[in-house]
Amino acid sequence: MIKLLIDENLPQKIKYRFGANYNALTVYDMGWAFKQNGELLKLINLENFDVFLTADRNIEYQQNLSILNFKLVILELPNNRYETVLPYVNAIMQAIENSTAKCIRV
């Protein structure tokens, strides 16, 4: 099972769209809302998440990704509304399952 954390900048209800192979949780589920990126990334490592899904396009350049034990998936969509993100869920899952890269842009 893939343990996936969804950032607070994405719609919370998108977590229900990931398949049975995913344990999808949000930053809010974990009680980590409003954490700074550096602290959040450390918590994600500590909780052994496999993937962090975010729409923060700058996180890759602001943080040291070499210390991460999980994949970072960055959505590059026109906006973060549920209706916009939903059609990309299958592409996100494929990227997670098929890519060996630490940082993936969808």
Protein backbone atom coordinates (compact mmCIF):
# COMPACT_ATOMS: atom_id res chain seq x y z
CA MET A 1 0.00 0.00 0.00
CA ILE A 2 1.26 3.46 -0.95
CA LYS A 3 1.08 6.00 1.86
CA LEU A 4 0.19 9.35 0.26
CA LEU A 5 0.01 12.76 1.92
CA ILE A 6 -1.94 15.54 0.20
CA ASP A 7 -0.87 19.12 0.88
CA GLU A 8 -3.21 21.75 2.28
CA ASN A 9 -3.06 23.67 -1.02
CA LEU A 10 -5.11 20.91 -2.71
CA PRO A 11 -8.77 19.99 -2.18
CA GLN A 12 -9.13 17.61 0.75
CA LYS A 13 -11.80 15.45 -0.86
CA ILE A 14 -9.40 14.43 -3.67
CA LYS A 15 -8.05 11.82 -1.22
CA TYR A 16 -11.13 9.68 -1.87
CA ARG A 17 -10.26 9.37 -5.57
CA PHE A 18 -7.11 7.33 -5.10
CA GLY A 19 -7.46 3.57 -5.49
CA ALA A 20 -7.38 0.73 -3.00
CA ASN A 21 -3.58 0.60 -3.26
CA TYR A 22 -3.38 4.01 -1.57
CA ASN A 23 -3.68 5.17 2.00
CA ALA A 24 -4.36 8.81 1.13
CA LEU A 25 -4.36 11.34 3.95
CA THR A 26 -4.30 15.12 4.02
CA VAL A 27 -2.11 17.49 5.97
CA TYR A 28 -5.29 18.34 7.93
CA ASP A 29 -5.87 14.65 8.76
CA MET A 30 -2.40 14.55 10.28
CA GLY A 31 -2.87 17.80 12.24
CA TRP A 32 -0.06 19.44 10.26
CA ALA A 33 -1.94 22.36 8.74
CA PHE A 34 0.05 25.59 8.49
CA LYS A 35 3.42 23.90 9.07
CA GLN A 36 6.34 25.47 7.22
CA ASN A 37 7.65 23.37 4.31
CA GLY A 38 10.92 22.39 6.01
CA GLU A 39 9.17 21.17 9.15
CA LEU A 40 6.44 19.47 7.12
CA LEU A 41 8.96 17.55 4.99
CA LYS A 42 10.69 16.30 8.15
CA LEU A 43 7.36 15.11 9.57
CA ILE A 44 6.54 13.32 6.31
CA ASN A 45 9.89 11.51 6.54
CA LEU A 46 9.29 10.58 10.19
CA GLU A 47 5.83 9.17 9.45
CA ASN A 48 7.19 7.09 6.54
CA PHE A 49 4.99 8.48 3.80
CA ASP A 50 5.81 7.21 0.32
CA VAL A 51 4.54 10.28 -1.54
CA PHE A 52 3.79 13.95 -0.88
CA LEU A 53 1.39 15.55 -3.37
CA THR A 54 1.47 19.34 -3.57
CA ALA A 55 0.73 22.25 -5.88
CA ASP A 56 3.66 24.26 -4.48
CA ARG A 57 5.75 24.68 -7.62
CA ASN A 58 8.64 26.29 -5.74
CA ILE A 59 9.15 23.67 -3.04
CA GLU A 60 11.67 21.83 -5.20
CA TYR A 61 13.90 24.92 -5.25
CA GLN A 62 13.35 26.02 -1.66
CA GLN A 63 14.11 22.73 0.11
CA ASN A 64 16.91 20.18 0.11
CA LEU A 65 15.20 17.24 -1.59
CA SER A 66 18.21 14.96 -1.23
CA ILE A 67 17.23 14.25 2.39
CA LEU A 68 13.75 13.04 1.48
CA ASN A 69 12.78 9.39 1.79
CA PHE A 70 9.64 9.85 -0.29
CA LYS A 71 8.56 10.97 -3.75
CA LEU A 72 7.47 14.55 -4.21
CA VAL A 73 4.72 15.01 -6.79
CA ILE A 74 4.17 18.60 -7.89
CA LEU A 75 0.98 19.44 -9.76
CA GLU A 76 1.33 22.09 -12.43
CA LEU A 77 -2.30 22.92 -13.11
CA PRO A 78 -4.00 26.25 -13.89
CA ASN A 79 -5.68 26.19 -10.45
CA ASN A 80 -6.16 23.89 -7.44
CA ARG A 81 -9.94 23.46 -7.57
CA TYR A 82 -11.33 19.95 -7.19
CA GLU A 83 -12.81 19.99 -10.70
CA THR A 84 -9.40 20.83 -12.14
CA VAL A 85 -7.40 18.28 -10.14
CA LEU A 86 -9.84 15.36 -10.47
CA PRO A 87 -9.11 14.49 -14.15
CA TYR A 88 -5.40 14.17 -13.26
CA VAL A 89 -5.74 11.57 -10.50
CA ASN A 90 -5.01 8.65 -12.85
CA ALA A 91 -1.97 10.44 -14.28
CA ILE A 92 -0.77 11.14 -10.73
CA MET A 93 -1.10 7.47 -9.76
CA GLN A 94 0.70 6.35 -12.92
CA ALA A 95 3.52 8.78 -12.28
CA ILE A 96 3.87 7.60 -8.69
CA GLU A 97 3.88 3.94 -9.65
CA ASN A 98 6.05 4.18 -12.78
CA SER A 99 8.61 6.87 -12.04
CA THR A 100 11.84 6.30 -10.15
CA ALA A 101 12.46 10.05 -9.84
CA LYS A 102 12.34 11.66 -6.41
CA CYS A 103 10.56 14.73 -7.77
CA ILE A 104 7.79 14.29 -10.32
CA ARG A 105 5.86 17.07 -12.07
CA VAL A 106 2.36 16.33 -13.35
